[in-house]
Amino acid sequence: MAFVITENCIKCKFTDCVDVCPVDCFHEGPNFLVIDPDECIDCTLCEPECPANAIHAEDELPEGQEHFAALNAELAKQWPIITEVKDALPDADEWNGKPGKLALLEK
């Protein structure tokens, strides 16, 4: 089982989670992060670090967010690994908690 980054990360992209990952399983896109399920060791360290509460265990995904497991797996193959904390997107605090952001995902 892996952890999955869900919709609330879109347009926020806080990277606090990246710093604690012992296996470098995070990948970075333009306005979203994903976790590579083949690399994630289910250590649980990232989940409490996310200020957007966007990281969930694969078997505990919020209702309506289940498709993010496949999306994380797909995009992890395309995007580069991120291993260092970066600044969140400039308007991250304004987007944090807003629903319906999937259409805003930049691939």
C-alpha atoms as a PDB file:
ATOM      1  CA  MET A   1       0.000   0.000   0.000  1.00  0.00           C
ATOM      2  CA  ALA A   2       1.172   3.507  -0.752  1.00  0.00           C
ATOM      3  CA  PHE A   3       0.179   7.001   0.190  1.00  0.00           C
ATOM      4  CA  VAL A   4      -1.634   9.167  -2.351  1.00  0.00           C
ATOM      5  CA  ILE A   5      -1.719  12.902  -2.882  1.00  0.00           C
ATOM      6  CA  THR A   6      -5.248  14.123  -3.526  1.00  0.00           C
ATOM      7  CA  GLU A   7      -7.016  17.131  -5.009  1.00  0.00           C
ATOM      8  CA  ASN A   8      -6.279  19.674  -2.305  1.00  0.00           C
ATOM      9  CA  CYS A   9      -2.599  19.762  -3.335  1.00  0.00           C
ATOM     10  CA  ILE A  10      -3.559  21.223  -6.720  1.00  0.00           C
ATOM     11  CA  LYS A  11      -2.679  24.938  -6.900  1.00  0.00           C
ATOM     12  CA  CYS A  12      -1.003  24.735  -3.455  1.00  0.00           C
ATOM     13  CA  LYS A  13       1.987  22.401  -3.854  1.00  0.00           C
ATOM     14  CA  PHE A  14       3.327  22.660  -0.327  1.00  0.00           C
ATOM     15  CA  THR A  15       6.532  20.610  -0.165  1.00  0.00           C
ATOM     16  CA  ASP A  16       6.914  20.012   3.582  1.00  0.00           C
ATOM     17  CA  CYS A  17       6.205  16.321   2.906  1.00  0.00           C
ATOM     18  CA  VAL A  18       9.185  15.930   0.577  1.00  0.00           C
ATOM     19  CA  ASP A  19      11.725  16.691   3.285  1.00  0.00           C
ATOM     20  CA  VAL A  20      10.739  13.755   5.512  1.00  0.00           C
ATOM     21  CA  CYS A  21      10.510  11.076   2.813  1.00  0.00           C
ATOM     22  CA  PRO A  22      13.274   8.490   3.308  1.00  0.00           C
ATOM     23  CA  VAL A  23      12.939   7.006  -0.205  1.00  0.00           C
ATOM     24  CA  ASP A  24      12.438  10.052  -2.451  1.00  0.00           C
ATOM     25  CA  CYS A  25       9.086   8.919  -3.847  1.00  0.00           C
ATOM     26  CA  PHE A  26       7.695  12.423  -4.520  1.00  0.00           C
ATOM     27  CA  HIS A  27       7.475  13.818  -8.042  1.00  0.00           C
ATOM     28  CA  GLU A  28       6.793  17.431  -8.964  1.00  0.00           C
ATOM     29  CA  GLY A  29       4.541  18.853 -11.635  1.00  0.00           C
ATOM     30  CA  PRO A  30       3.735  22.478 -12.405  1.00  0.00           C
ATOM     31  CA  ASN A  31       1.064  22.863  -9.697  1.00  0.00           C
ATOM     32  CA  PHE A  32       0.784  19.458  -7.982  1.00  0.00           C
ATOM     33  CA  LEU A  33       2.905  16.771  -6.346  1.00  0.00           C
ATOM     34  CA  VAL A  34       2.434  13.018  -6.656  1.00  0.00           C
ATOM     35  CA  ILE A  35       3.758   9.958  -4.858  1.00  0.00           C
ATOM     36  CA  ASP A  36       5.218   7.063  -6.823  1.00  0.00           C
ATOM     37  CA  PRO A  37       3.364   4.013  -5.461  1.00  0.00           C
ATOM     38  CA  ASP A  38       6.209   1.716  -6.528  1.00  0.00           C
ATOM     39  CA  GLU A  39       8.684   3.645  -4.353  1.00  0.00           C
ATOM     40  CA  CYS A  40       6.511   4.554  -1.347  1.00  0.00           C
ATOM     41  CA  ILE A  41       7.278   2.354   1.663  1.00  0.00           C
ATOM     42  CA  ASP A  42       4.184   3.354   3.646  1.00  0.00           C
ATOM     43  CA  CYS A  43       6.257   4.906   6.417  1.00  0.00           C
ATOM     44  CA  THR A  44       3.512   7.478   7.243  1.00  0.00           C
ATOM     45  CA  LEU A  45       6.026  10.312   7.753  1.00  0.00           C
ATOM     46  CA  CYS A  46       4.639  12.525   4.984  1.00  0.00           C
ATOM     47  CA  GLU A  47       0.980  12.506   5.929  1.00  0.00           C
ATOM     48  CA  PRO A  48       1.174  14.707   9.062  1.00  0.00           C
ATOM     49  CA  GLU A  49       3.583  17.129   7.339  1.00  0.00           C
ATOM     50  CA  CYS A  50       1.085  18.210   4.687  1.00  0.00           C
ATOM     51  CA  PRO A  51      -0.460  21.578   5.646  1.00  0.00           C
ATOM     52  CA  ALA A  52      -3.212  20.994   3.067  1.00  0.00           C
ATOM     53  CA  ASN A  53      -4.204  17.572   4.452  1.00  0.00           C
ATOM     54  CA  ALA A  54      -3.872  16.238   0.902  1.00  0.00           C
ATOM     55  CA  ILE A  55      -1.970  13.004   1.650  1.00  0.00           C
ATOM     56  CA  HIS A  56      -3.891   9.854   2.516  1.00  0.00           C
ATOM     57  CA  ALA A  57      -3.247   6.138   2.740  1.00  0.00           C
ATOM     58  CA  GLU A  58      -4.395   4.406  -0.432  1.00  0.00           C
ATOM     59  CA  ASP A  59      -7.012   2.407   1.464  1.00  0.00           C
ATOM     60  CA  GLU A  60      -8.302   5.501   3.301  1.00  0.00           C
ATOM     61  CA  LEU A  61      -8.857   7.928   0.434  1.00  0.00           C
ATOM     62  CA  PRO A  62     -11.695  10.391   0.985  1.00  0.00           C
ATOM     63  CA  GLU A  63     -14.889   9.689  -0.917  1.00  0.00           C
ATOM     64  CA  GLY A  64     -14.604  10.946  -4.474  1.00  0.00           C
ATOM     65  CA  GLN A  65     -10.804  11.021  -4.369  1.00  0.00           C
ATOM     66  CA  GLU A  66     -10.173   7.360  -5.241  1.00  0.00           C
ATOM     67  CA  HIS A  67      -9.102   8.179  -8.819  1.00  0.00           C
ATOM     68  CA  PHE A  68      -6.079  10.032  -7.453  1.00  0.00           C
ATOM     69  CA  ALA A  69      -4.330   6.706  -6.785  1.00  0.00           C
ATOM     70  CA  ALA A  70      -4.143   6.012 -10.525  1.00  0.00           C
ATOM     71  CA  LEU A  71      -3.314   9.648 -11.279  1.00  0.00           C
ATOM     72  CA  ASN A  72      -0.367   9.595  -8.840  1.00  0.00           C
ATOM     73  CA  ALA A  73       0.956   6.407 -10.467  1.00  0.00           C
ATOM     74  CA  GLU A  74       0.584   7.836 -13.977  1.00  0.00           C
ATOM     75  CA  LEU A  75       2.164  11.222 -13.310  1.00  0.00           C
ATOM     76  CA  ALA A  76       5.021   9.804 -11.209  1.00  0.00           C
ATOM     77  CA  LYS A  77       6.283   8.155 -14.392  1.00  0.00           C
ATOM     78  CA  GLN A  78       6.287  11.505 -16.215  1.00  0.00           C
ATOM     79  CA  TRP A  79       7.432  14.071 -13.657  1.00  0.00           C
ATOM     80  CA  PRO A  80      10.868  14.537 -12.065  1.00  0.00           C
ATOM     81  CA  ILE A  81      11.639  13.525  -8.491  1.00  0.00           C
ATOM     82  CA  ILE A  82      11.640  16.317  -5.913  1.00  0.00           C
ATOM     83  CA  THR A  83      13.823  15.878  -2.829  1.00  0.00           C
ATOM     84  CA  GLU A  84      14.112  19.359  -1.361  1.00  0.00           C
ATOM     85  CA  VAL A  85      11.588  21.739   0.139  1.00  0.00           C
ATOM     86  CA  LYS A  86      10.593  24.627  -2.112  1.00  0.00           C
ATOM     87  CA  ASP A  87       8.273  27.548  -1.555  1.00  0.00           C
ATOM     88  CA  ALA A  88       4.609  26.755  -2.049  1.00  0.00           C
ATOM     89  CA  LEU A  89       2.854  28.374  -4.969  1.00  0.00           C
ATOM     90  CA  PRO A  90       2.352  32.119  -4.401  1.00  0.00           C
ATOM     91  CA  ASP A  91      -1.406  31.889  -3.851  1.00  0.00           C
ATOM     92  CA  ALA A  92      -1.369  28.489  -2.102  1.00  0.00           C
ATOM     93  CA  ASP A  93      -3.129  29.730   1.011  1.00  0.00           C
ATOM     94  CA  GLU A  94      -5.999  31.080  -1.088  1.00  0.00           C
ATOM     95  CA  TRP A  95      -6.449  27.692  -2.845  1.00  0.00           C
ATOM     96  CA  ASN A  96      -6.031  25.516   0.237  1.00  0.00           C
ATOM     97  CA  GLY A  97      -9.348  23.844   0.988  1.00  0.00           C
ATOM     98  CA  LYS A  98     -11.166  24.850  -2.193  1.00  0.00           C
ATOM     99  CA  PRO A  99     -13.022  21.945  -3.829  1.00  0.00           C
ATOM    100  CA  GLY A 100     -13.257  21.154  -7.523  1.00  0.00           C
ATOM    101  CA  LYS A 101      -9.635  21.808  -8.492  1.00  0.00           C
ATOM    102  CA  LEU A 102      -9.021  18.747 -10.693  1.00  0.00           C
ATOM    103  CA  ALA A 103      -9.712  20.719 -13.881  1.00  0.00           C
ATOM    104  CA  LEU A 104      -6.923  23.106 -12.849  1.00  0.00           C
ATOM    105  CA  LEU A 105      -4.278  20.366 -12.707  1.00  0.00           C
ATOM    106  CA  GLU A 106      -1.418  21.216 -15.069  1.00  0.00           C
ATOM    107  CA  LYS A 107       0.266  18.212 -16.606  1.00  0.00           C
END
